[in-house]
Amino acid sequence: MSPAPYEATLLIAEIAKERGIKVTLVDANTAPQPPPKARIFREWIDKQGVEYVPNQRIVRIVLEKRTVVTDKGESFEFNLLSILPRNLAPAFVRNAGLGATFM
């Protein structure tokens, strides 16, 4: 549960907004992460005009059509696609019982 997708989206959106390019963030989480920063990230996402699509996972990429398909059956077109893998705590942290939040 890294803030990386939100930070990356906001950086890209800053440039895209100047050029009139639409940015969409498809998020497997129900809200931006980590929870203490959710409100702040959501405010900035909205301020930058990013379309935020929570609680959906990308399950397929159709390169010929330049689209992604989510587990809810929605399709989104793209010109630039950035996919960040799920962030997991290292095994030693999980084995110590400290990584449940990141599983």
PDB file of N, CA and C in Angstrom:
ATOM      1  N   MET A   1       0.829  -1.178   0.000  1.00  0.00           N
ATOM      2  CA  MET A   1       0.000   0.000   0.000  1.00  0.00           C
ATOM      3  C   MET A   1       0.877   1.246   0.000  1.00  0.00           C
ATOM      4  N   SER A   2       1.468   1.438  -1.096  1.00  0.00           N
ATOM      5  CA  SER A   2       2.389   2.554  -1.237  1.00  0.00           C
ATOM      6  C   SER A   2       1.664   3.797  -1.744  1.00  0.00           C
ATOM      7  N   PRO A   3       2.105   4.958  -1.315  1.00  0.00           N
ATOM      8  CA  PRO A   3       1.516   6.177  -1.875  1.00  0.00           C
ATOM      9  C   PRO A   3       1.991   6.423  -3.309  1.00  0.00           C
ATOM     10  N   ALA A   4       2.935   5.600  -3.782  1.00  0.00           N
ATOM     11  CA  ALA A   4       3.547   5.830  -5.093  1.00  0.00           C
ATOM     12  C   ALA A   4       2.557   6.047  -6.228  1.00  0.00           C
ATOM     13  N   PRO A   5       1.473   5.279  -6.353  1.00  0.00           N
ATOM     14  CA  PRO A   5       0.600   5.547  -7.501  1.00  0.00           C
ATOM     15  C   PRO A   5      -0.044   6.927  -7.440  1.00  0.00           C
ATOM     16  N   TYR A   6      -0.291   7.412  -6.245  1.00  0.00           N
ATOM     17  CA  TYR A   6      -0.935   8.727  -6.107  1.00  0.00           C
ATOM     18  C   TYR A   6       0.068   9.832  -6.398  1.00  0.00           C
ATOM     19  N   GLU A   7       1.274   9.684  -5.901  1.00  0.00           N
ATOM     20  CA  GLU A   7       2.315  10.677  -6.163  1.00  0.00           C
ATOM     21  C   GLU A   7       2.640  10.725  -7.648  1.00  0.00           C
ATOM     22  N   ALA A   8       2.801   9.546  -8.262  1.00  0.00           N
ATOM     23  CA  ALA A   8       3.106   9.490  -9.694  1.00  0.00           C
ATOM     24  C   ALA A   8       1.975  10.109 -10.513  1.00  0.00           C
ATOM     25  N   THR A   9       0.744   9.792 -10.150  1.00  0.00           N
ATOM     26  CA  THR A   9      -0.415  10.343 -10.863  1.00  0.00           C
ATOM     27  C   THR A   9      -0.435  11.861 -10.766  1.00  0.00           C
ATOM     28  N   LEU A  10      -0.167  12.391  -9.583  1.00  0.00           N
ATOM     29  CA  LEU A  10      -0.190  13.841  -9.405  1.00  0.00           C
ATOM     30  C   LEU A  10       0.913  14.526 -10.198  1.00  0.00           C
ATOM     31  N   LEU A  11       2.076  13.900 -10.278  1.00  0.00           N
ATOM     32  CA  LEU A  11       3.169  14.479 -11.075  1.00  0.00           C
ATOM     33  C   LEU A  11       2.810  14.480 -12.558  1.00  0.00           C
ATOM     34  N   ILE A  12       2.275  13.362 -13.032  1.00  0.00           N
ATOM     35  CA  ILE A  12       1.870  13.265 -14.437  1.00  0.00           C
ATOM     36  C   ILE A  12       0.725  14.237 -14.726  1.00  0.00           C
ATOM     37  N   ALA A  13      -0.226  14.319 -13.801  1.00  0.00           N
ATOM     38  CA  ALA A  13      -1.395  15.184 -13.999  1.00  0.00           C
ATOM     39  C   ALA A  13      -1.002  16.653 -14.098  1.00  0.00           C
ATOM     40  N   GLU A  14       0.020  17.047 -13.385  1.00  0.00           N
ATOM     41  CA  GLU A  14       0.480  18.442 -13.444  1.00  0.00           C
ATOM     42  C   GLU A  14       0.864  18.822 -14.867  1.00  0.00           C
ATOM     43  N   ILE A  15       1.606  17.947 -15.526  1.00  0.00           N
ATOM     44  CA  ILE A  15       2.031  18.196 -16.911  1.00  0.00           C
ATOM     45  C   ILE A  15       0.862  18.013 -17.871  1.00  0.00           C
ATOM     46  N   ALA A  16       0.084  16.963 -17.656  1.00  0.00           N
ATOM     47  CA  ALA A  16      -1.042  16.657 -18.547  1.00  0.00           C
ATOM     48  C   ALA A  16      -2.076  17.778 -18.542  1.00  0.00           C
ATOM     49  N   LYS A  17      -2.322  18.331 -17.376  1.00  0.00           N
ATOM     50  CA  LYS A  17      -3.322  19.399 -17.250  1.00  0.00           C
ATOM     51  C   LYS A  17      -2.944  20.595 -18.120  1.00  0.00           C
ATOM     52  N   GLU A  18      -1.656  20.933 -18.151  1.00  0.00           N
ATOM     53  CA  GLU A  18      -1.178  22.053 -18.964  1.00  0.00           C
ATOM     54  C   GLU A  18      -1.401  21.802 -20.453  1.00  0.00           C
ATOM     55  N   ARG A  19      -1.437  20.522 -20.827  1.00  0.00           N
ATOM     56  CA  ARG A  19      -1.566  20.158 -22.245  1.00  0.00           C
ATOM     57  C   ARG A  19      -2.972  19.680 -22.611  1.00  0.00           C
ATOM     58  N   GLY A  20      -3.889  19.749 -21.663  1.00  0.00           N
ATOM     59  CA  GLY A  20      -5.266  19.346 -21.934  1.00  0.00           C
ATOM     60  C   GLY A  20      -5.457  17.850 -22.065  1.00  0.00           C
ATOM     61  N   ILE A  21      -4.595  17.077 -21.433  1.00  0.00           N
ATOM     62  CA  ILE A  21      -4.661  15.617 -21.507  1.00  0.00           C
ATOM     63  C   ILE A  21      -5.363  15.068 -20.268  1.00  0.00           C
ATOM     64  N   LYS A  22      -6.289  14.159 -20.478  1.00  0.00           N
ATOM     65  CA  LYS A  22      -7.047  13.544 -19.391  1.00  0.00           C
ATOM     66  C   LYS A  22      -6.203  12.460 -18.707  1.00  0.00           C
ATOM     67  N   VAL A  23      -6.268  12.421 -17.374  1.00  0.00           N
ATOM     68  CA  VAL A  23      -5.562  11.408 -16.591  1.00  0.00           C
ATOM     69  C   VAL A  23      -6.586  10.633 -15.771  1.00  0.00           C
ATOM     70  N   THR A  24      -6.475   9.308 -15.809  1.00  0.00           N
ATOM     71  CA  THR A  24      -7.347   8.433 -15.034  1.00  0.00           C
ATOM     72  C   THR A  24      -6.493   7.558 -14.141  1.00  0.00           C
ATOM     73  N   LEU A  25      -6.886   7.446 -12.882  1.00  0.00           N
ATOM     74  CA  LEU A  25      -6.201   6.569 -11.931  1.00  0.00           C
ATOM     75  C   LEU A  25      -7.154   5.446 -11.554  1.00  0.00           C
ATOM     76  N   VAL A  26      -6.830   4.222 -11.988  1.00  0.00           N
ATOM     77  CA  VAL A  26      -7.596   3.036 -11.606  1.00  0.00           C
ATOM     78  C   VAL A  26      -6.884   2.446 -10.397  1.00  0.00           C
ATOM     79  N   ASP A  27      -7.587   2.388  -9.279  1.00  0.00           N
ATOM     80  CA  ASP A  27      -6.995   2.007  -7.995  1.00  0.00           C
ATOM     81  C   ASP A  27      -7.670   0.748  -7.446  1.00  0.00           C
ATOM     82  N   ALA A  28      -6.890  -0.266  -7.135  1.00  0.00           N
ATOM     83  CA  ALA A  28      -7.444  -1.496  -6.552  1.00  0.00           C
ATOM     84  C   ALA A  28      -7.955  -1.259  -5.136  1.00  0.00           C
ATOM     85  N   ASN A  29      -7.492  -0.205  -4.504  1.00  0.00           N
ATOM     86  CA  ASN A  29      -7.929   0.127  -3.142  1.00  0.00           C
ATOM     87  C   ASN A  29      -9.262   0.869  -3.171  1.00  0.00           C
ATOM     88  N   THR A  30      -9.952   0.852  -2.044  1.00  0.00           N
ATOM     89  CA  THR A  30     -11.231   1.560  -1.954  1.00  0.00           C
ATOM     90  C   THR A  30     -11.046   3.056  -1.747  1.00  0.00           C
ATOM     91  N   ALA A  31      -9.850   3.465  -1.346  1.00  0.00           N
ATOM     92  CA  ALA A  31      -9.511   4.873  -1.128  1.00  0.00           C
ATOM     93  C   ALA A  31      -7.991   4.993  -1.218  1.00  0.00           C
ATOM     94  N   PRO A  32      -7.490   6.201  -1.458  1.00  0.00           N
ATOM     95  CA  PRO A  32      -6.038   6.365  -1.483  1.00  0.00           C
ATOM     96  C   PRO A  32      -5.385   5.859  -0.200  1.00  0.00           C
ATOM     97  N   GLN A  33      -4.159   5.395  -0.356  1.00  0.00           N
ATOM     98  CA  GLN A  33      -3.403   4.826   0.759  1.00  0.00           C
ATOM     99  C   GLN A  33      -2.147   5.650   1.003  1.00  0.00           C
ATOM    100  N   PRO A  34      -1.615   5.655   2.210  1.00  0.00           N
ATOM    101  CA  PRO A  34      -2.121   5.042   3.427  1.00  0.00           C
ATOM    102  C   PRO A  34      -3.306   5.830   3.975  1.00  0.00           C
ATOM    103  N   PRO A  35      -4.150   5.178   4.776  1.00  0.00           N
ATOM    104  CA  PRO A  35      -5.366   5.829   5.283  1.00  0.00           C
ATOM    105  C   PRO A  35      -5.169   7.217   5.896  1.00  0.00           C
ATOM    106  N   PRO A  36      -4.098   7.459   6.672  1.00  0.00           N
ATOM    107  CA  PRO A  36      -3.956   8.811   7.240  1.00  0.00           C
ATOM    108  C   PRO A  36      -3.791   9.908   6.187  1.00  0.00           C
ATOM    109  N   LYS A  37      -3.379   9.530   4.991  1.00  0.00           N
ATOM    110  CA  LYS A  37      -3.167  10.515   3.915  1.00  0.00           C
ATOM    111  C   LYS A  37      -4.270  10.491   2.862  1.00  0.00           C
ATOM    112  N   ALA A  38      -5.278   9.632   3.032  1.00  0.00           N
ATOM    113  CA  ALA A  38      -6.319   9.449   2.011  1.00  0.00           C
ATOM    114  C   ALA A  38      -7.016  10.750   1.653  1.00  0.00           C
ATOM    115  N   ARG A  39      -7.416  11.507   2.642  1.00  0.00           N
ATOM    116  CA  ARG A  39      -8.145  12.754   2.389  1.00  0.00           C
ATOM    117  C   ARG A  39      -7.288  13.734   1.595  1.00  0.00           C
ATOM    118  N   ILE A  40      -6.036  13.846   1.971  1.00  0.00           N
ATOM    119  CA  ILE A  40      -5.133  14.786   1.297  1.00  0.00           C
ATOM    120  C   ILE A  40      -4.914  14.365  -0.159  1.00  0.00           C
ATOM    121  N   PHE A  41      -4.621  13.070  -0.370  1.00  0.00           N
ATOM    122  CA  PHE A  41      -4.421  12.602  -1.742  1.00  0.00           C
ATOM    123  C   PHE A  41      -5.679  12.806  -2.568  1.00  0.00           C
ATOM    124  N   ARG A  42      -6.828  12.509  -1.992  1.00  0.00           N
ATOM    125  CA  ARG A  42      -8.086  12.649  -2.736  1.00  0.00           C
ATOM    126  C   ARG A  42      -8.341  14.108  -3.105  1.00  0.00           C
ATOM    127  N   GLU A  43      -8.054  15.033  -2.199  1.00  0.00           N
ATOM    128  CA  GLU A  43      -8.228  16.454  -2.500  1.00  0.00           C
ATOM    129  C   GLU A  43      -7.346  16.872  -3.672  1.00  0.00           C
ATOM    130  N   TRP A  44      -6.101  16.429  -3.671  1.00  0.00           N
ATOM    131  CA  TRP A  44      -5.182  16.800  -4.740  1.00  0.00           C
ATOM    132  C   TRP A  44      -5.555  16.122  -6.052  1.00  0.00           C
ATOM    133  N   ILE A  45      -5.996  14.876  -5.984  1.00  0.00           N
ATOM    134  CA  ILE A  45      -6.448  14.166  -7.185  1.00  0.00           C
ATOM    135  C   ILE A  45      -7.609  14.941  -7.819  1.00  0.00           C
ATOM    136  N   ASP A  46      -8.567  15.334  -6.993  1.00  0.00           N
ATOM    137  CA  ASP A  46      -9.711  16.105  -7.490  1.00  0.00           C
ATOM    138  C   ASP A  46      -9.277  17.467  -8.023  1.00  0.00           C
ATOM    139  N   LYS A  47      -8.377  18.124  -7.293  1.00  0.00           N
ATOM    140  CA  LYS A  47      -7.904  19.452  -7.700  1.00  0.00           C
ATOM    141  C   LYS A  47      -7.216  19.407  -9.066  1.00  0.00           C
ATOM    142  N   GLN A  48      -6.500  18.333  -9.343  1.00  0.00           N
ATOM    143  CA  GLN A  48      -5.793  18.204 -10.618  1.00  0.00           C
ATOM    144  C   GLN A  48      -6.708  17.710 -11.739  1.00  0.00           C
ATOM    145  N   GLY A  49      -7.965  17.392 -11.403  1.00  0.00           N
ATOM    146  CA  GLY A  49      -8.904  16.955 -12.431  1.00  0.00           C
ATOM    147  C   GLY A  49      -8.715  15.518 -12.873  1.00  0.00           C
ATOM    148  N   VAL A  50      -8.093  14.718 -12.020  1.00  0.00           N
ATOM    149  CA  VAL A  50      -7.861  13.310 -12.331  1.00  0.00           C
ATOM    150  C   VAL A  50      -9.151  12.521 -12.116  1.00  0.00           C
ATOM    151  N   GLU A  51      -9.497  11.668 -13.079  1.00  0.00           N
ATOM    152  CA  GLU A  51     -10.625  10.762 -12.891  1.00  0.00           C
ATOM    153  C   GLU A  51     -10.148   9.633 -11.977  1.00  0.00           C
ATOM    154  N   TYR A  52     -10.764   9.516 -10.823  1.00  0.00           N
ATOM    155  CA  TYR A  52     -10.348   8.511  -9.829  1.00  0.00           C
ATOM    156  C   TYR A  52     -11.343   7.358  -9.849  1.00  0.00           C
ATOM    157  N   VAL A  53     -10.852   6.148 -10.104  1.00  0.00           N
ATOM    158  CA  VAL A  53     -11.683   4.950 -10.193  1.00  0.00           C
ATOM    159  C   VAL A  53     -11.214   3.976  -9.114  1.00  0.00           C
ATOM    160  N   PRO A  54     -11.829   4.022  -7.919  1.00  0.00           N
ATOM    161  CA  PRO A  54     -11.389   3.139  -6.835  1.00  0.00           C
ATOM    162  C   PRO A  54     -12.010   1.746  -6.920  1.00  0.00           C
ATOM    163  N   ASN A  55     -11.402   0.833  -6.174  1.00  0.00           N
ATOM    164  CA  ASN A  55     -11.948  -0.511  -5.963  1.00  0.00           C
ATOM    165  C   ASN A  55     -12.090  -1.309  -7.266  1.00  0.00           C
ATOM    166  N   GLN A  56     -11.143  -1.126  -8.171  1.00  0.00           N
ATOM    167  CA  GLN A  56     -11.127  -1.903  -9.406  1.00  0.00           C
ATOM    168  C   GLN A  56      -9.688  -2.283  -9.725  1.00  0.00           C
ATOM    169  N   ARG A  57      -9.523  -3.516 -10.147  1.00  0.00           N
ATOM    170  CA  ARG A  57      -8.196  -4.013 -10.531  1.00  0.00           C
ATOM    171  C   ARG A  57      -8.129  -4.159 -12.052  1.00  0.00           C
ATOM    172  N   ILE A  58      -7.004  -3.805 -12.607  1.00  0.00           N
ATOM    173  CA  ILE A  58      -6.798  -4.025 -14.039  1.00  0.00           C
ATOM    174  C   ILE A  58      -6.494  -5.502 -14.221  1.00  0.00           C
ATOM    175  N   VAL A  59      -7.288  -6.154 -15.058  1.00  0.00           N
ATOM    176  CA  VAL A  59      -7.120  -7.590 -15.275  1.00  0.00           C
ATOM    177  C   VAL A  59      -6.658  -7.921 -16.687  1.00  0.00           C
ATOM    178  N   ARG A  60      -6.770  -6.932 -17.587  1.00  0.00           N
ATOM    179  CA  ARG A  60      -6.356  -7.204 -18.962  1.00  0.00           C
ATOM    180  C   ARG A  60      -5.943  -5.907 -19.646  1.00  0.00           C
ATOM    181  N   ILE A  61      -4.916  -6.035 -20.459  1.00  0.00           N
ATOM    182  CA  ILE A  61      -4.468  -4.919 -21.292  1.00  0.00           C
ATOM    183  C   ILE A  61      -4.657  -5.353 -22.738  1.00  0.00           C
ATOM    184  N   VAL A  62      -5.381  -4.554 -23.506  1.00  0.00           N
ATOM    185  CA  VAL A  62      -5.623  -4.849 -24.919  1.00  0.00           C
ATOM    186  C   VAL A  62      -4.802  -3.841 -25.722  1.00  0.00           C
ATOM    187  N   LEU A  63      -3.592  -4.236 -26.071  1.00  0.00           N
ATOM    188  CA  LEU A  63      -2.672  -3.315 -26.730  1.00  0.00           C
ATOM    189  C   LEU A  63      -3.196  -2.794 -28.056  1.00  0.00           C
ATOM    190  N   GLU A  64      -3.831  -3.660 -28.859  1.00  0.00           N
ATOM    191  CA  GLU A  64      -4.313  -3.233 -30.169  1.00  0.00           C
ATOM    192  C   GLU A  64      -5.312  -2.085 -30.052  1.00  0.00           C
ATOM    193  N   LYS A  65      -6.093  -2.077 -28.987  1.00  0.00           N
ATOM    194  CA  LYS A  65      -7.107  -1.042 -28.782  1.00  0.00           C
ATOM    195  C   LYS A  65      -6.659   0.021 -27.788  1.00  0.00           C
ATOM    196  N   ARG A  66      -5.457  -0.176 -27.236  1.00  0.00           N
ATOM    197  CA  ARG A  66      -4.913   0.745 -26.230  1.00  0.00           C
ATOM    198  C   ARG A  66      -5.920   0.953 -25.095  1.00  0.00           C
ATOM    199  N   THR A  67      -6.392  -0.163 -24.555  1.00  0.00           N
ATOM    200  CA  THR A  67      -7.339  -0.114 -23.444  1.00  0.00           C
ATOM    201  C   THR A  67      -6.915  -1.071 -22.347  1.00  0.00           C
ATOM    202  N   VAL A  68      -7.392  -0.768 -21.148  1.00  0.00           N
ATOM    203  CA  VAL A  68      -7.278  -1.706 -20.032  1.00  0.00           C
ATOM    204  C   VAL A  68      -8.693  -2.080 -19.626  1.00  0.00           C
ATOM    205  N   VAL A  69      -8.848  -3.284 -19.118  1.00  0.00           N
ATOM    206  CA  VAL A  69     -10.145  -3.768 -18.665  1.00  0.00           C
ATOM    207  C   VAL A  69     -10.001  -4.111 -17.188  1.00  0.00           C
ATOM    208  N   THR A  70     -10.994  -3.703 -16.398  1.00  0.00           N
ATOM    209  CA  THR A  70     -10.947  -3.961 -14.960  1.00  0.00           C
ATOM    210  C   THR A  70     -11.765  -5.199 -14.599  1.00  0.00           C
ATOM    211  N   ASP A  71     -11.602  -5.621 -13.355  1.00  0.00           N
ATOM    212  CA  ASP A  71     -12.355  -6.772 -12.856  1.00  0.00           C
ATOM    213  C   ASP A  71     -13.852  -6.494 -12.768  1.00  0.00           C
ATOM    214  N   LYS A  72     -14.247  -5.243 -12.885  1.00  0.00           N
ATOM    215  CA  LYS A  72     -15.670  -4.870 -12.880  1.00  0.00           C
ATOM    216  C   LYS A  72     -16.215  -4.762 -14.301  1.00  0.00           C
ATOM    217  N   GLY A  73     -15.362  -5.050 -15.298  1.00  0.00           N
ATOM    218  CA  GLY A  73     -15.787  -5.020 -16.691  1.00  0.00           C
ATOM    219  C   GLY A  73     -15.693  -3.671 -17.374  1.00  0.00           C
ATOM    220  N   GLU A  74     -15.184  -2.662 -16.688  1.00  0.00           N
ATOM    221  CA  GLU A  74     -15.035  -1.344 -17.307  1.00  0.00           C
ATOM    222  C   GLU A  74     -13.766  -1.307 -18.152  1.00  0.00           C
ATOM    223  N   SER A  75     -13.807  -0.550 -19.230  1.00  0.00           N
ATOM    224  CA  SER A  75     -12.652  -0.368 -20.104  1.00  0.00           C
ATOM    225  C   SER A  75     -12.237   1.098 -20.088  1.00  0.00           C
ATOM    226  N   PHE A  76     -10.932   1.312 -20.136  1.00  0.00           N
ATOM    227  CA  PHE A  76     -10.382   2.661 -20.162  1.00  0.00           C
ATOM    228  C   PHE A  76      -9.318   2.725 -21.251  1.00  0.00           C
ATOM    229  N   GLU A  77      -9.441   3.725 -22.119  1.00  0.00           N
ATOM    230  CA  GLU A  77      -8.442   3.930 -23.166  1.00  0.00           C
ATOM    231  C   GLU A  77      -7.220   4.617 -22.571  1.00  0.00           C
ATOM    232  N   PHE A  78      -6.072   4.376 -23.200  1.00  0.00           N
ATOM    233  CA  PHE A  78      -4.853   5.039 -22.738  1.00  0.00           C
ATOM    234  C   PHE A  78      -3.944   5.373 -23.910  1.00  0.00           C
ATOM    235  N   ASN A  79      -3.136   6.410 -23.701  1.00  0.00           N
ATOM    236  CA  ASN A  79      -2.029   6.734 -24.590  1.00  0.00           C
ATOM    237  C   ASN A  79      -0.722   6.426 -23.885  1.00  0.00           C
ATOM    238  N   LEU A  80      -0.709   6.619 -22.584  1.00  0.00           N
ATOM    239  CA  LEU A  80       0.429   6.297 -21.730  1.00  0.00           C
ATOM    240  C   LEU A  80      -0.120   5.470 -20.581  1.00  0.00           C
ATOM    241  N   LEU A  81       0.491   4.327 -20.324  1.00  0.00           N
ATOM    242  CA  LEU A  81       0.020   3.441 -19.266  1.00  0.00           C
ATOM    243  C   LEU A  81       1.153   3.197 -18.282  1.00  0.00           C
ATOM    244  N   SER A  82       0.870   3.409 -17.021  1.00  0.00           N
ATOM    245  CA  SER A  82       1.840   3.138 -15.961  1.00  0.00           C
ATOM    246  C   SER A  82       1.161   2.235 -14.943  1.00  0.00           C
ATOM    247  N   ILE A  83       1.720   1.048 -14.754  1.00  0.00           N
ATOM    248  CA  ILE A  83       1.133   0.095 -13.803  1.00  0.00           C
ATOM    249  C   ILE A  83       2.153  -0.153 -12.701  1.00  0.00           C
ATOM    250  N   LEU A  84       1.697   0.036 -11.470  1.00  0.00           N
ATOM    251  CA  LEU A  84       2.559  -0.211 -10.322  1.00  0.00           C
ATOM    252  C   LEU A  84       2.083  -1.484  -9.624  1.00  0.00           C
ATOM    253  N   PRO A  85       2.982  -2.435  -9.397  1.00  0.00           N
ATOM    254  CA  PRO A  85       2.577  -3.675  -8.738  1.00  0.00           C
ATOM    255  C   PRO A  85       2.226  -3.442  -7.276  1.00  0.00           C
ATOM    256  N   ARG A  86       1.487  -4.373  -6.723  1.00  0.00           N
ATOM    257  CA  ARG A  86       1.109  -4.310  -5.312  1.00  0.00           C
ATOM    258  C   ARG A  86       2.355  -4.285  -4.446  1.00  0.00           C
ATOM    259  N   ASN A  87       2.354  -3.440  -3.447  1.00  0.00           N
ATOM    260  CA  ASN A  87       3.485  -3.294  -2.541  1.00  0.00           C
ATOM    261  C   ASN A  87       3.289  -4.218  -1.344  1.00  0.00           C
ATOM    262  N   LEU A  88       4.212  -5.141  -1.140  1.00  0.00           N
ATOM    263  CA  LEU A  88       4.147  -6.056  -0.006  1.00  0.00           C
ATOM    264  C   LEU A  88       5.322  -5.821   0.926  1.00  0.00           C
ATOM    265  N   ALA A  89       5.072  -5.981   2.207  1.00  0.00           N
ATOM    266  CA  ALA A  89       6.150  -5.895   3.187  1.00  0.00           C
ATOM    267  C   ALA A  89       7.101  -7.064   2.941  1.00  0.00           C
ATOM    268  N   PRO A  90       8.395  -6.887   3.202  1.00  0.00           N
ATOM    269  CA  PRO A  90       9.347  -7.980   3.042  1.00  0.00           C
ATOM    270  C   PRO A  90       8.963  -9.171   3.935  1.00  0.00           C
ATOM    271  N   ALA A  91       9.381 -10.368   3.524  1.00  0.00           N
ATOM    272  CA  ALA A  91       9.033 -11.601   4.248  1.00  0.00           C
ATOM    273  C   ALA A  91       9.411 -11.523   5.722  1.00  0.00           C
ATOM    274  N   PHE A  92      10.592 -10.963   6.050  1.00  0.00           N
ATOM    275  CA  PHE A  92      11.001 -10.936   7.452  1.00  0.00           C
ATOM    276  C   PHE A  92      10.069 -10.063   8.294  1.00  0.00           C
ATOM    277  N   VAL A  93       9.502  -9.031   7.690  1.00  0.00           N
ATOM    278  CA  VAL A  93       8.551  -8.174   8.408  1.00  0.00           C
ATOM    279  C   VAL A  93       7.235  -8.932   8.615  1.00  0.00           C
ATOM    280  N   ARG A  94       6.759  -9.599   7.558  1.00  0.00           N
ATOM    281  CA  ARG A  94       5.521 -10.395   7.675  1.00  0.00           C
ATOM    282  C   ARG A  94       5.706 -11.516   8.683  1.00  0.00           C
ATOM    283  N   ASN A  95       6.870 -12.176   8.638  1.00  0.00           N
ATOM    284  CA  ASN A  95       7.144 -13.296   9.568  1.00  0.00           C
ATOM    285  C   ASN A  95       7.212 -12.828  11.008  1.00  0.00           C
ATOM    286  N   ALA A  96       7.572 -11.584  11.229  1.00  0.00           N
ATOM    287  CA  ALA A  96       7.621 -11.025  12.585  1.00  0.00           C
ATOM    288  C   ALA A  96       6.251 -10.573  13.054  1.00  0.00           C
ATOM    289  N   GLY A  97       5.243 -10.727  12.194  1.00  0.00           N
ATOM    290  CA  GLY A  97       3.889 -10.335  12.559  1.00  0.00           C
ATOM    291  C   GLY A  97       3.630  -8.843  12.432  1.00  0.00           C
ATOM    292  N   LEU A  98       4.508  -8.135  11.721  1.00  0.00           N
ATOM    293  CA  LEU A  98       4.388  -6.684  11.614  1.00  0.00           C
ATOM    294  C   LEU A  98       3.862  -6.197  10.274  1.00  0.00           C
ATOM    295  N   GLY A  99       3.649  -7.113   9.337  1.00  0.00           N
ATOM    296  CA  GLY A  99       3.293  -6.675   7.991  1.00  0.00           C
ATOM    297  C   GLY A  99       1.867  -6.885   7.586  1.00  0.00           C
ATOM    298  N   ALA A 100       0.970  -7.212   8.516  1.00  0.00           N
ATOM    299  CA  ALA A 100      -0.428  -7.501   8.151  1.00  0.00           C
ATOM    300  C   ALA A 100      -1.074  -6.365   7.380  1.00  0.00           C
ATOM    301  N   THR A 101      -0.708  -5.135   7.692  1.00  0.00           N
ATOM    302  CA  THR A 101      -1.278  -3.983   7.016  1.00  0.00           C
ATOM    303  C   THR A 101      -0.904  -3.962   5.544  1.00  0.00           C
ATOM    304  N   PHE A 102       0.205  -4.570   5.181  1.00  0.00           N
ATOM    305  CA  PHE A 102       0.714  -4.508   3.824  1.00  0.00           C
ATOM    306  C   PHE A 102       0.552  -5.818   3.063  1.00  0.00           C
ATOM    307  N   MET A 103      -0.409  -6.630   3.435  1.00  0.00           N
ATOM    308  CA  MET A 103      -0.566  -7.936   2.771  1.00  0.00           C
ATOM    309  C   MET A 103      -1.688  -7.953   1.794  1.00  0.00           C
TER     310      MET A 103
END
